[in-house]
Amino acid sequence: MNMDTNKKYILPRTIILAACSLLLAGGCDNNVYDGMERDTPEMEVPLNFNASIEKTEVVQSRSITSTTDFTRNSYSFGMSITKSENGNEIFGGSSDMTAKMERSGSSAPWNWTFINNSDGSGVTPTGPEGKALKVIAYYPCIPANTQSAYTNGIPFDFSSKTDLKQTDLLYNTSTTYPFDHPSGEAVATIPLNFRHAYTWIVLNIRKYMNNNEVFNLSSVTLDNLGGGWIKNKGAIDPATGLAKEGATAGPIGVTLEPVVELLTTDVTYEFLVPSFMDAKVGDGDIVLVLKVNGINETFTLNKNYLNKSEDGKLFGFRQGYKNTYNLVYNNSALSMNVQNWTSEVINGDFGGEIADPPTSDYMWVGLVKNGQTIAWPRGTWPGELYSSDYPPIPEYYNPGEHLYKSYFTTVAYGGNGDYVPVNTPNPETLPTDGMKVSDDINLYAEGKEKVCREIHVTKNDVSILSVPWEDANGRLVAKELCRQYTGGGFKDWRLPRASELRALFLIVAANGGYSDLNFAKPENDKKRYWAGTEVSENEAWTAMCSGYFASSSITDKILVLSPQDKKKKAFVRCVRDFK
């Protein structure tokens, strides 16, 4: 089992699912459905679906049945699509459907079908253009009384101590679809971004040393000491993935029959826990309890052993995280301690298909002018007779420095350096020949962002689709794609800084040996790419190039650097420091 380490964000491995165009069919329930003709000002648009799922390891525990990354050929989701403004159906049966996603084989395309759960009839979804939709979806679909999932929640019962059975739950986080696609398009594509509702807790337990004493473990429990944060029975809201009000606070654990003798090698127990994050969670509110030789050994978890929100104000167990606690029973002192703990994300990327790529899917690029080896674009500056370096060369950080490898959050959260605002140079002071560049002083000025001298660059975009820098839920989509990328077996890929992306495009333009980066392909011409650098709280830098290798003349190549709203979409290339 392989997972990427992360302490910052929830994140998914995504599979893009192509759905066929869908047409409206069937009658309507007049008690709910308020009719398209009366209040829909725009045309009816068939609905397609892009589904993404957070990747998880296959759980080998006896107690947990885990979802995987759509490796089978048939899946059934619970789904409700209603009008955001009033909660009414958009067509008969839309508030309670079973969405079936099926294929004939692992390499075959997915096919979607939809069933109205109220009468078992087939439906083909459409939506009213210009009307925002509320889309709730979850997996696996509950088998009976499906409508109750949206009103009463999805029931769970983790209270058993002798026969604990737990099933993972995925819920769609993109519950609001604004329907702002360009008018006249044949279909509207609704993204289904599934997240794991629970936190996956792993306890590795062993004794401190070998001796002749026997220490038998008879139960393992995660419990509340103060407050009622751990819920063991109730219902999960499919719109939020959180336990609904009224859920019962209580322990989650297992009684071991027969007892297990502790040795110096680990025994492992795994639990799914309804997630919670709250500012009121305090030190010692959550405890781990092991019963050893009939005595309860308790370890209280202070906030340092819990997940923390990006702003440092909330603590608890975060959705989609796998928390592993390594517990050592000190048989000389007859006490238990946590030797160490880790927190990893149970997910892959956002918005694009990302697979473990071959080692050949990246290449080395030197970003430093180096005599005959690496050229830099040139132009003739005003008042000069001969051409020289243009655009200006940036500063570089020293070998061994890795300034940006920990830039995983945002400037606002203190983990992305500084804002780099726009500072456009006076065009009258720049060369009139050479490469056409919409440059910015702050991206190369002394004291601003330095550039790594040598980098590895992905040969292709790491996402099939363009993605936002930051989505409506605050997820750092573009950064997460790179952080989850594992090309060459490396786990230190990152989104390039604006200064690095600028230097990369200039080096590619001035040198003919980088065709493997595929910027010359027609489909990549004039693509806009995200940089990790922020302009402001709401904007980040992008770079767009065109004319690469279309001609031998540098004057035919164009580079545009510009700020973009973080919610807009662009493409992603990843880099890593060459060491």
Protein backbone atom coordinates (compact mmCIF):
# COMPACT_ATOMS: atom_id res chain seq x y z
CA MET A 1 0.00 0.00 0.00
CA ASN A 2 1.35 3.43 -1.00
CA MET A 3 0.18 6.79 0.15
CA ASP A 4 1.53 10.32 -0.25
CA THR A 5 2.38 12.14 2.96
CA ASN A 6 0.54 15.36 3.63
CA LYS A 7 -0.24 17.47 6.66
CA LYS A 8 -1.89 20.38 4.91
CA TYR A 9 -4.75 19.51 2.69
CA ILE A 10 -7.29 16.95 1.79
CA LEU A 11 -6.72 15.86 -1.18
CA PRO A 12 -7.89 13.07 -4.54
CA ARG A 13 -6.82 10.60 -7.24
CA THR A 14 -9.21 11.40 -9.97
CA ILE A 15 -10.72 9.43 -12.77
CA ILE A 16 -12.46 11.44 -15.44
CA LEU A 17 -15.62 9.72 -16.48
CA ALA A 18 -17.15 10.54 -19.82
CA ALA A 19 -20.92 10.40 -19.74
CA CYS A 20 -23.04 10.35 -22.85
CA SER A 21 -25.41 13.19 -23.63
CA LEU A 22 -28.61 12.82 -21.68
CA LEU A 23 -32.16 13.80 -22.63
CA LEU A 24 -35.21 14.43 -20.50
CA ALA A 25 -37.57 11.51 -20.09
CA GLY A 26 -40.41 10.35 -17.88
CA GLY A 27 -43.20 12.10 -16.06
CA CYS A 28 -43.02 14.25 -12.95
CA ASP A 29 -44.16 14.26 -9.36
CA ASN A 30 -46.47 17.25 -9.15
CA ASN A 31 -46.09 17.36 -5.37
CA VAL A 32 -42.45 18.40 -5.75
CA TYR A 33 -41.68 19.15 -9.36
CA ASP A 34 -42.75 22.71 -10.11
CA GLY A 35 -42.49 22.44 -13.89
CA MET A 36 -39.89 23.61 -16.34
CA GLU A 37 -42.13 25.63 -18.56
CA ARG A 38 -43.32 28.03 -15.91
CA ASP A 39 -40.11 29.27 -14.26
CA THR A 40 -37.21 28.37 -16.49
CA PRO A 41 -36.17 31.38 -18.56
CA GLU A 42 -33.53 29.53 -20.56
CA MET A 43 -33.35 26.33 -22.56
CA GLU A 44 -33.20 22.84 -21.09
CA VAL A 45 -29.66 21.48 -21.23
CA PRO A 46 -28.69 17.79 -21.08
CA LEU A 47 -26.42 16.99 -18.12
CA ASN A 48 -23.12 15.13 -18.23
CA PHE A 49 -20.98 14.23 -15.23
CA ASN A 50 -17.25 14.37 -14.47
CA ALA A 51 -16.62 12.23 -11.40
CA SER A 52 -13.50 12.34 -9.27
CA ILE A 53 -12.76 10.16 -6.31
CA GLU A 54 -10.21 10.42 -3.59
CA LYS A 55 -7.82 7.51 -3.84
CA THR A 56 -7.34 5.33 -0.82
CA GLU A 57 -5.24 2.32 -0.09
CA VAL A 58 -7.02 -1.01 -0.09
CA VAL A 59 -7.69 -1.72 3.56
CA GLN A 60 -6.67 -5.20 4.65
CA SER A 61 -8.32 -4.92 8.05
CA ARG A 62 -10.90 -7.45 9.11
CA SER A 63 -13.25 -4.69 10.18
CA ILE A 64 -13.14 -2.12 7.39
CA THR A 65 -14.53 -2.41 3.90
CA SER A 66 -12.88 0.37 1.91
CA THR A 67 -13.81 1.98 -1.35
CA THR A 68 -11.10 2.10 -4.00
CA ASP A 69 -10.50 4.26 -7.05
CA PHE A 70 -13.23 2.85 -9.30
CA THR A 71 -11.34 -0.30 -10.19
CA ARG A 72 -14.46 -2.39 -10.63
CA ASN A 73 -16.83 -2.16 -13.60
CA SER A 74 -20.07 -1.18 -11.88
CA TYR A 75 -20.96 1.38 -9.19
CA SER A 76 -24.22 2.73 -7.82
CA PHE A 77 -24.40 6.21 -6.30
CA GLY A 78 -27.19 7.86 -4.40
CA MET A 79 -27.91 11.18 -6.11
CA SER A 80 -30.24 14.14 -5.68
CA ILE A 81 -30.38 17.14 -8.07
CA THR A 82 -32.68 20.00 -7.12
CA LYS A 83 -32.96 23.74 -7.69
CA SER A 84 -30.64 25.58 -5.34
CA GLU A 85 -33.10 28.44 -4.89
CA ASN A 86 -36.03 26.41 -3.54
CA GLY A 87 -35.07 22.73 -3.30
CA ASN A 88 -37.63 21.67 -5.93
CA GLU A 89 -36.96 18.94 -8.44
CA ILE A 90 -35.69 19.89 -11.89
CA PHE A 91 -37.49 16.91 -13.40
CA GLY A 92 -39.62 14.07 -12.06
CA GLY A 93 -37.58 11.91 -9.69
CA SER A 94 -34.48 14.14 -9.66
CA SER A 95 -34.50 14.47 -5.85
CA ASP A 96 -33.96 10.74 -5.29
CA MET A 97 -32.08 8.79 -7.94
CA THR A 98 -29.69 5.90 -8.24
CA ALA A 99 -26.89 6.79 -10.66
CA LYS A 100 -25.28 3.69 -12.12
CA MET A 101 -21.81 3.93 -13.61
CA GLU A 102 -20.89 0.84 -15.61
CA ARG A 103 -18.38 -0.36 -18.22
CA SER A 104 -17.78 -3.59 -20.08
CA GLY A 105 -14.12 -3.81 -19.07
CA SER A 106 -11.25 -1.92 -17.46
CA SER A 107 -10.31 -0.19 -20.71
CA ALA A 108 -13.87 0.49 -21.89
CA PRO A 109 -15.63 3.87 -21.50
CA TRP A 110 -18.03 4.41 -18.64
CA ASN A 111 -21.75 4.51 -19.26
CA TRP A 112 -24.17 6.30 -16.95
CA THR A 113 -27.80 5.39 -16.36
CA PHE A 114 -30.25 6.91 -13.88
CA ILE A 115 -33.20 5.41 -12.02
CA ASN A 116 -36.04 7.28 -10.33
CA ASN A 117 -36.12 5.52 -6.95
CA SER A 118 -39.77 6.39 -6.34
CA ASP A 119 -41.06 4.16 -9.14
CA GLY A 120 -38.00 2.40 -10.59
CA SER A 121 -38.29 4.12 -13.97
CA GLY A 122 -35.33 5.26 -16.01
CA VAL A 123 -34.66 8.98 -16.35
CA THR A 124 -32.23 11.07 -18.39
CA PRO A 125 -31.28 14.30 -16.59
CA THR A 126 -31.56 17.79 -18.00
CA GLY A 127 -31.31 21.09 -16.20
CA PRO A 128 -32.66 24.60 -16.66
CA GLU A 129 -29.94 26.87 -18.03
CA GLY A 130 -29.45 29.85 -15.75
CA LYS A 131 -30.79 28.09 -12.64
CA ALA A 132 -28.25 27.09 -10.00
CA LEU A 133 -28.51 23.43 -9.02
CA LYS A 134 -27.89 21.64 -5.74
CA VAL A 135 -26.22 18.29 -6.38
CA ILE A 136 -25.88 15.73 -3.57
CA ALA A 137 -24.22 12.40 -4.31
CA TYR A 138 -22.75 9.68 -2.13
CA TYR A 139 -21.33 6.16 -2.34
CA PRO A 140 -22.22 3.43 -1.60
CA CYS A 141 -25.93 3.94 -2.13
CA ILE A 142 -28.08 2.78 0.79
CA PRO A 143 -30.32 -0.11 -0.31
CA ALA A 144 -33.66 0.91 1.22
CA ASN A 145 -35.60 4.11 1.92
CA THR A 146 -33.20 6.05 -0.26
CA GLN A 147 -35.08 9.34 0.10
CA SER A 148 -34.35 9.39 3.84
CA ALA A 149 -30.63 9.85 3.14
CA TYR A 150 -31.25 13.48 2.16
CA THR A 151 -33.52 14.29 5.11
CA ASN A 152 -32.37 12.01 7.94
CA GLY A 153 -28.85 11.22 6.78
CA ILE A 154 -26.97 8.00 6.04
CA PRO A 155 -27.10 5.76 9.13
CA PHE A 156 -23.95 4.37 10.75
CA ASP A 157 -23.48 2.19 13.82
CA PHE A 158 -19.92 1.74 15.10
CA SER A 159 -20.98 0.93 18.65
CA SER A 160 -20.36 -2.82 18.57
CA LYS A 161 -17.28 -3.97 20.51
CA THR A 162 -17.34 -7.64 19.53
CA ASP A 163 -18.23 -7.60 15.83
CA LEU A 164 -17.24 -4.16 14.57
CA LYS A 165 -18.02 -3.76 10.88
CA GLN A 166 -17.38 -0.44 9.17
CA THR A 167 -17.89 0.68 5.60
CA ASP A 168 -16.17 3.68 4.08
CA LEU A 169 -18.37 6.51 2.78
CA LEU A 170 -17.75 8.99 -0.04
CA TYR A 171 -19.73 12.19 -0.49
CA ASN A 172 -19.75 14.84 -3.21
CA THR A 173 -18.23 18.12 -2.07
CA SER A 174 -19.36 20.14 -5.14
CA THR A 175 -22.94 20.52 -4.00
CA THR A 176 -23.62 23.76 -5.87
CA TYR A 177 -23.53 23.88 -9.65
CA PRO A 178 -23.94 27.48 -10.85
CA PHE A 179 -24.90 26.55 -14.42
CA ASP A 180 -22.87 29.39 -15.89
CA HIS A 181 -21.60 27.47 -18.93
CA PRO A 182 -21.64 29.31 -22.29
CA SER A 183 -25.11 29.49 -23.78
CA GLY A 184 -25.68 27.18 -26.70
CA GLU A 185 -23.37 24.37 -25.61
CA ALA A 186 -24.83 20.93 -26.23
CA VAL A 187 -24.44 19.68 -22.66
CA ALA A 188 -23.58 20.96 -19.20
CA THR A 189 -20.96 18.99 -17.30
CA ILE A 190 -21.48 18.69 -13.56
CA PRO A 191 -18.35 17.81 -11.54
CA LEU A 192 -18.79 15.17 -8.85
CA ASN A 193 -15.84 15.58 -6.47
CA PHE A 194 -16.03 12.77 -3.92
CA ARG A 195 -14.29 12.95 -0.57
CA HIS A 196 -13.93 10.38 2.19
CA ALA A 197 -16.33 11.28 4.99
CA TYR A 198 -14.44 9.51 7.77
CA THR A 199 -10.99 9.70 9.31
CA TRP A 200 -9.02 6.47 9.13
CA ILE A 201 -7.30 5.72 12.45
CA VAL A 202 -4.48 3.15 12.54
CA LEU A 203 -3.02 1.90 15.83
CA ASN A 204 0.28 -0.01 15.72
CA ILE A 205 0.89 -1.58 19.15
CA ARG A 206 3.90 -3.44 20.56
CA LYS A 207 5.69 -3.91 23.87
CA TYR A 208 8.93 -2.21 24.75
CA MET A 209 11.27 -5.20 25.27
CA ASN A 210 11.37 -8.95 25.28
CA ASN A 211 11.27 -10.64 28.67
CA ASN A 212 9.56 -13.56 30.29
CA GLU A 213 6.48 -11.58 31.35
CA VAL A 214 3.28 -12.03 29.37
CA PHE A 215 1.19 -8.99 28.52
CA ASN A 216 -2.19 -9.76 26.98
CA LEU A 217 -4.16 -7.16 25.08
CA SER A 218 -7.91 -7.68 25.44
CA SER A 219 -9.43 -4.47 23.98
CA VAL A 220 -8.50 -1.41 21.94
CA THR A 221 -10.67 1.70 22.07
CA LEU A 222 -10.80 5.30 20.87
CA ASP A 223 -12.99 7.32 23.24
CA ASN A 224 -14.00 10.72 24.61
CA LEU A 225 -12.64 11.90 27.91
CA GLY A 226 -13.98 15.41 27.82
CA GLY A 227 -16.73 16.50 25.46
CA GLY A 228 -18.54 14.27 22.99
CA TRP A 229 -16.43 14.47 19.85
CA ILE A 230 -16.22 10.76 19.02
CA LYS A 231 -19.60 9.60 17.66
CA ASN A 232 -20.28 5.87 17.39
CA LYS A 233 -23.90 5.85 16.20
CA GLY A 234 -26.15 8.14 14.22
CA ALA A 235 -26.35 9.47 10.67
CA ILE A 236 -23.99 11.22 8.25
CA ASP A 237 -25.22 14.23 6.29
CA PRO A 238 -24.51 13.37 2.60
CA ALA A 239 -24.08 17.07 1.79
CA THR A 240 -21.24 17.61 4.31
CA GLY A 241 -19.97 14.13 5.22
CA LEU A 242 -20.31 15.05 8.92
CA ALA A 243 -22.36 13.43 11.66
CA LYS A 244 -25.79 15.01 11.98
CA GLU A 245 -27.08 16.53 15.18
CA GLY A 246 -28.35 13.85 17.53
CA ALA A 247 -25.56 11.35 16.84
CA THR A 248 -24.51 9.41 19.94
CA ALA A 249 -21.16 10.15 21.56
CA GLY A 250 -19.32 6.99 22.53
CA PRO A 251 -16.28 4.76 22.07
CA ILE A 252 -15.19 3.06 18.88
CA GLY A 253 -13.13 -0.04 19.41
CA VAL A 254 -13.00 -3.80 19.58
CA THR A 255 -12.88 -6.48 22.26
CA LEU A 256 -10.28 -9.11 21.35
CA GLU A 257 -11.38 -12.72 21.67
CA PRO A 258 -9.06 -14.47 22.16
CA VAL A 259 -6.69 -11.97 23.74
CA VAL A 260 -3.55 -10.99 21.85
CA GLU A 261 -0.14 -11.29 23.46
CA LEU A 262 1.94 -8.16 22.97
CA LEU A 263 5.34 -8.74 21.38
CA THR A 264 8.11 -6.44 20.18
CA THR A 265 6.59 -6.55 16.70
CA ASP A 266 3.50 -4.49 15.86
CA VAL A 267 -0.08 -5.66 15.97
CA THR A 268 -2.36 -3.32 14.05
CA TYR A 269 -5.97 -2.21 14.56
CA GLU A 270 -7.85 0.15 12.26
CA PHE A 271 -11.02 2.19 12.74
CA LEU A 272 -13.10 4.62 10.74
CA VAL A 273 -14.20 7.59 12.83
CA PRO A 274 -16.79 10.26 11.93
CA SER A 275 -14.74 13.40 11.36
CA PHE A 276 -14.88 16.55 13.45
CA MET A 277 -12.90 19.80 13.54
CA ASP A 278 -13.69 22.38 16.20
CA ALA A 279 -12.02 25.22 18.06
CA LYS A 280 -13.43 23.85 21.33
CA VAL A 281 -11.48 20.58 21.16
CA GLY A 282 -8.95 20.68 23.98
CA ASP A 283 -5.96 18.71 25.21
CA GLY A 284 -7.09 15.37 26.60
CA ASP A 285 -10.60 15.41 25.11
CA ILE A 286 -9.73 12.33 23.02
CA VAL A 287 -8.13 9.20 24.52
CA LEU A 288 -6.72 5.87 23.36
CA VAL A 289 -7.46 3.03 25.78
CA LEU A 290 -5.71 -0.35 25.76
CA LYS A 291 -6.70 -3.03 28.24
CA VAL A 292 -3.51 -4.91 29.15
CA ASN A 293 -3.70 -7.80 31.64
CA GLY A 294 -7.14 -6.58 32.72
CA ILE A 295 -6.01 -2.99 33.39
CA ASN A 296 -7.04 -0.04 31.21
CA GLU A 297 -3.97 1.87 30.07
CA THR A 298 -5.02 5.31 28.89
CA PHE A 299 -3.19 7.77 26.67
CA THR A 300 -4.74 11.18 26.37
CA LEU A 301 -4.27 12.86 22.98
CA ASN A 302 -3.38 16.51 23.31
CA LYS A 303 -3.93 18.74 20.34
CA ASN A 304 -0.44 18.02 19.00
CA TYR A 305 -1.63 14.51 18.16
CA LEU A 306 -4.73 15.68 16.28
CA ASN A 307 -5.26 17.17 12.84
CA LYS A 308 -5.12 20.94 12.66
CA SER A 309 -6.77 23.38 10.28
CA GLU A 310 -4.62 25.62 8.09
CA ASP A 311 -5.26 28.65 10.27
CA GLY A 312 -4.37 26.69 13.41
CA LYS A 313 -7.70 27.37 15.09
CA LEU A 314 -9.49 24.02 14.65
CA PHE A 315 -8.45 20.60 15.92
CA GLY A 316 -9.83 17.10 15.56
CA PHE A 317 -9.94 14.32 12.99
CA ARG A 318 -10.09 15.64 9.40
CA GLN A 319 -12.05 14.07 6.59
CA GLY A 320 -9.95 12.03 4.20
CA TYR A 321 -6.97 11.73 6.54
CA LYS A 322 -5.28 8.56 7.73
CA ASN A 323 -3.79 9.08 11.20
CA THR A 324 -1.30 6.44 12.32
CA TYR A 325 -0.34 6.17 15.99
CA ASN A 326 2.59 3.99 16.99
CA LEU A 327 1.97 2.88 20.58
CA VAL A 328 4.60 1.26 22.79
CA TYR A 329 3.65 -0.53 26.01
CA ASN A 330 6.54 0.01 28.39
CA ASN A 331 6.50 -3.32 30.19
CA SER A 332 9.21 -2.22 32.61
CA ALA A 333 7.26 0.80 33.81
CA LEU A 334 3.83 -0.71 33.01
CA SER A 335 2.71 2.29 31.04
CA MET A 336 1.88 3.23 27.46
CA ASN A 337 3.23 6.02 25.30
CA VAL A 338 2.91 7.26 21.74
CA GLN A 339 6.29 6.80 20.12
CA ASN A 340 5.32 8.82 17.05
CA TRP A 341 2.38 9.59 14.82
CA THR A 342 1.82 10.58 11.22
CA SER A 343 -1.05 12.01 9.22
CA GLU A 344 -1.47 11.29 5.53
CA VAL A 345 -4.10 12.17 2.99
CA ILE A 346 -6.26 9.43 1.54
CA ASN A 347 -6.57 11.10 -1.80
CA GLY A 348 -5.04 11.98 -5.12
CA ASP A 349 -5.60 15.04 -7.25
CA PHE A 350 -8.40 17.39 -8.15
CA GLY A 351 -9.91 17.95 -11.53
CA GLY A 352 -7.70 15.81 -13.69
CA GLU A 353 -6.61 12.26 -14.24
CA ILE A 354 -3.34 11.56 -12.52
CA ALA A 355 -1.65 8.21 -12.58
CA ASP A 356 1.71 7.00 -11.38
CA PRO A 357 3.74 8.04 -14.42
CA PRO A 358 6.76 6.28 -15.88
CA THR A 359 10.20 7.56 -14.97
CA SER A 360 10.56 8.91 -18.49
CA ASP A 361 7.70 11.36 -18.00
CA TYR A 362 9.98 14.22 -16.94
CA MET A 363 13.25 15.76 -18.09
CA TRP A 364 16.12 17.85 -16.79
CA VAL A 365 16.21 21.55 -17.68
CA GLY A 366 18.95 24.01 -16.78
CA LEU A 367 17.60 27.50 -16.16
CA VAL A 368 21.01 29.22 -16.06
CA LYS A 369 22.71 30.71 -19.10
CA ASN A 370 25.79 28.58 -19.59
CA GLY A 371 27.93 29.64 -22.52
CA GLN A 372 27.58 27.22 -25.42
CA THR A 373 25.36 24.80 -23.52
CA ILE A 374 22.31 26.86 -22.64
CA ALA A 375 21.39 30.06 -24.45
CA TRP A 376 19.21 32.93 -23.23
CA PRO A 377 16.97 35.02 -25.52
CA ARG A 378 18.55 38.22 -26.79
CA GLY A 379 17.39 41.63 -27.94
CA THR A 380 18.85 45.07 -28.66
CA TRP A 381 18.34 47.52 -25.82
CA PRO A 382 17.68 51.20 -26.60
CA GLY A 383 20.97 53.03 -27.19
CA GLU A 384 22.93 49.81 -27.71
CA LEU A 385 24.55 48.66 -30.98
CA TYR A 386 24.62 44.96 -30.23
CA SER A 387 22.11 42.55 -28.82
CA SER A 388 22.36 41.24 -25.27
CA ASP A 389 20.30 39.18 -22.84
CA TYR A 390 16.60 39.96 -23.06
CA PRO A 391 14.33 39.53 -21.15
CA PRO A 392 16.37 40.14 -17.98
CA ILE A 393 17.90 37.14 -16.24
CA PRO A 394 16.57 36.47 -12.71
CA GLU A 395 18.46 35.76 -9.51
CA TYR A 396 19.20 32.12 -8.60
CA TYR A 397 19.38 30.44 -5.25
CA ASN A 398 22.44 28.39 -4.38
CA PRO A 399 22.74 24.64 -4.93
CA GLY A 400 21.53 22.81 -1.85
CA GLU A 401 18.91 25.43 -1.07
CA HIS A 402 15.32 24.36 -1.55
CA LEU A 403 13.35 27.49 -0.92
CA TYR A 404 9.94 26.43 -2.18
CA LYS A 405 9.56 22.77 -1.25
CA SER A 406 7.45 23.67 1.81
CA TYR A 407 5.27 26.26 0.07
CA PHE A 408 2.11 24.15 0.32
CA THR A 409 -0.42 26.65 1.67
CA THR A 410 -1.12 30.31 0.84
CA VAL A 411 0.41 33.66 1.71
CA ALA A 412 -2.58 34.35 3.94
CA TYR A 413 -1.87 31.16 5.90
CA GLY A 414 1.85 31.91 6.11
CA GLY A 415 3.07 29.10 3.86
CA ASN A 416 3.66 30.57 0.41
CA GLY A 417 6.18 33.37 0.75
CA ASP A 418 5.03 36.86 -0.21
CA TYR A 419 2.59 38.35 -2.67
CA VAL A 420 4.24 39.46 -5.91
CA PRO A 421 2.10 42.31 -7.24
CA VAL A 422 2.08 43.60 -10.79
CA ASN A 423 4.87 46.00 -11.76
CA THR A 424 4.93 46.31 -15.54
CA PRO A 425 8.08 47.89 -17.05
CA ASN A 426 7.95 50.92 -19.31
CA PRO A 427 7.90 49.53 -22.89
CA GLU A 428 9.97 52.49 -24.11
CA THR A 429 12.90 51.22 -22.05
CA LEU A 430 12.82 47.68 -23.52
CA PRO A 431 14.19 46.22 -26.77
CA THR A 432 11.92 46.49 -29.77
CA ASP A 433 13.28 43.28 -31.31
CA GLY A 434 13.79 39.81 -29.87
CA MET A 435 11.16 37.71 -28.20
CA LYS A 436 7.75 39.27 -27.56
CA VAL A 437 7.29 39.18 -23.80
CA SER A 438 4.64 40.64 -21.57
CA ASP A 439 7.07 40.83 -18.69
CA ASP A 440 6.85 42.09 -15.13
CA ILE A 441 9.64 43.68 -13.10
CA ASN A 442 8.70 41.91 -9.88
CA LEU A 443 9.22 38.49 -11.44
CA TYR A 444 12.92 39.02 -12.02
CA ALA A 445 13.92 41.99 -9.85
CA GLU A 446 16.66 41.62 -7.27
CA GLY A 447 15.30 40.55 -3.92
CA LYS A 448 12.19 39.01 -5.45
CA GLU A 449 11.63 35.32 -6.21
CA LYS A 450 14.82 33.45 -6.96
CA VAL A 451 15.00 30.59 -9.45
CA CYS A 452 16.34 27.08 -9.01
CA ARG A 453 19.37 26.58 -11.29
CA GLU A 454 18.41 23.09 -12.43
CA ILE A 455 15.00 21.47 -12.34
CA HIS A 456 13.08 18.43 -13.46
CA VAL A 457 9.98 19.32 -15.50
CA THR A 458 7.04 17.09 -16.40
CA LYS A 459 6.92 16.44 -20.12
CA ASN A 460 3.15 16.74 -20.19
CA ASP A 461 0.38 18.41 -18.24
CA VAL A 462 -0.40 16.47 -15.08
CA SER A 463 -4.15 17.00 -15.48
CA ILE A 464 -6.31 16.21 -18.45
CA LEU A 465 -8.57 19.16 -17.69
CA SER A 466 -7.73 22.72 -16.74
CA VAL A 467 -8.20 23.33 -13.02
CA PRO A 468 -8.60 26.29 -10.65
CA TRP A 469 -5.69 27.45 -8.53
CA GLU A 470 -8.09 27.39 -5.59
CA ASP A 471 -11.65 26.07 -5.76
CA ALA A 472 -14.80 27.36 -4.06
CA ASN A 473 -14.15 25.11 -1.05
CA GLY A 474 -10.68 26.54 -0.47
CA ARG A 475 -8.82 23.51 -1.83
CA LEU A 476 -5.51 24.36 -3.51
CA VAL A 477 -6.20 22.30 -6.60
CA ALA A 478 -3.20 23.19 -8.79
CA LYS A 479 -0.69 22.74 -5.98
CA GLU A 480 -2.26 19.44 -4.97
CA LEU A 481 -1.86 17.99 -8.45
CA CYS A 482 1.91 18.48 -8.17
CA ARG A 483 2.18 17.43 -4.57
CA GLN A 484 0.47 14.13 -5.41
CA TYR A 485 2.56 13.50 -8.52
CA THR A 486 5.07 10.65 -8.16
CA GLY A 487 7.00 10.65 -11.46
CA GLY A 488 10.34 8.88 -11.12
CA GLY A 489 9.39 7.74 -7.66
CA PHE A 490 9.92 11.30 -6.38
CA LYS A 491 7.52 12.83 -3.88
CA ASP A 492 8.86 16.39 -3.88
CA TRP A 493 7.16 17.71 -7.03
CA ARG A 494 5.71 21.18 -6.72
CA LEU A 495 4.00 23.92 -8.68
CA PRO A 496 6.67 26.16 -10.27
CA ARG A 497 7.06 29.69 -8.97
CA ALA A 498 6.22 32.48 -11.41
CA SER A 499 9.93 33.33 -11.74
CA GLU A 500 10.74 29.70 -12.59
CA LEU A 501 7.89 29.32 -15.06
CA ARG A 502 9.05 32.50 -16.77
CA ALA A 503 12.66 31.25 -16.96
CA LEU A 504 11.53 27.83 -18.20
CA PHE A 505 9.57 29.28 -21.13
CA LEU A 506 12.44 31.62 -22.03
CA ILE A 507 14.99 28.78 -22.00
CA VAL A 508 12.72 26.59 -24.13
CA ALA A 509 12.23 29.44 -26.61
CA ALA A 510 15.98 30.08 -26.97
CA ASN A 511 17.14 26.46 -27.18
CA GLY A 512 16.17 23.78 -29.65
CA GLY A 513 16.75 20.76 -27.43
CA TYR A 514 13.58 20.74 -25.39
CA SER A 515 11.06 19.32 -27.85
CA ASP A 516 10.32 16.49 -25.37
CA LEU A 517 8.52 19.03 -23.21
CA ASN A 518 5.84 19.09 -25.94
CA PHE A 519 5.13 22.82 -25.84
CA ALA A 520 5.31 22.80 -29.63
CA LYS A 521 2.29 20.53 -29.97
CA PRO A 522 -0.70 22.37 -31.47
CA GLU A 523 -2.89 21.43 -28.52
CA ASN A 524 -0.44 23.10 -26.13
CA ASP A 525 -0.10 26.36 -28.02
CA LYS A 526 -1.46 29.33 -26.08
CA LYS A 527 -2.23 27.21 -23.05
CA ARG A 528 -2.29 29.14 -19.79
CA TYR A 529 -0.31 27.54 -16.93
CA TRP A 530 -0.54 28.18 -13.20
CA ALA A 531 2.39 29.34 -11.11
CA GLY A 532 2.56 28.87 -7.36
CA THR A 533 3.14 32.59 -6.83
CA GLU A 534 0.22 34.72 -5.64
CA VAL A 535 -0.48 38.24 -6.81
CA SER A 536 -2.97 38.86 -4.03
CA GLU A 537 -5.43 36.94 -1.89
CA ASN A 538 -7.67 36.36 -4.92
CA GLU A 539 -5.17 36.20 -7.81
CA ALA A 540 -2.18 34.07 -8.83
CA TRP A 541 0.36 34.36 -11.65
CA THR A 542 0.01 32.46 -14.93
CA ALA A 543 2.16 32.12 -18.04
CA MET A 544 1.05 31.50 -21.63
CA CYS A 545 3.35 30.84 -24.58
CA SER A 546 2.86 30.48 -28.32
CA GLY A 547 4.95 30.06 -31.45
CA TYR A 548 7.40 27.57 -29.95
CA PHE A 549 9.41 25.85 -32.65
CA ALA A 550 7.05 27.18 -35.28
CA SER A 551 9.96 29.05 -36.70
CA SER A 552 13.64 29.42 -36.04
CA SER A 553 13.19 33.12 -35.31
CA ILE A 554 12.96 34.16 -31.68
CA THR A 555 10.75 37.06 -32.75
CA ASP A 556 7.95 34.62 -33.61
CA LYS A 557 7.70 33.40 -30.03
CA ILE A 558 5.47 35.03 -27.47
CA LEU A 559 5.33 34.80 -23.67
CA VAL A 560 2.53 36.43 -21.68
CA LEU A 561 2.77 36.65 -17.88
CA SER A 562 -0.40 37.81 -16.20
CA PRO A 563 -2.41 37.58 -12.96
CA GLN A 564 -5.58 35.49 -13.00
CA ASP A 565 -8.46 34.99 -10.61
CA LYS A 566 -7.71 31.84 -8.58
CA LYS A 567 -11.17 30.43 -9.29
CA LYS A 568 -10.56 30.47 -13.05
CA LYS A 569 -8.96 27.47 -14.73
CA ALA A 570 -5.55 26.86 -16.24
CA PHE A 571 -3.22 23.91 -16.81
CA VAL A 572 -0.47 22.49 -14.64
CA ARG A 573 3.14 21.44 -15.18
CA CYS A 574 5.14 20.30 -12.18
CA VAL A 575 8.79 20.81 -11.29
CA ARG A 576 11.22 19.62 -8.66
CA ASP A 577 14.67 20.82 -7.64
CA PHE A 578 17.41 18.82 -9.31
CA LYS A 579 19.81 17.63 -6.61
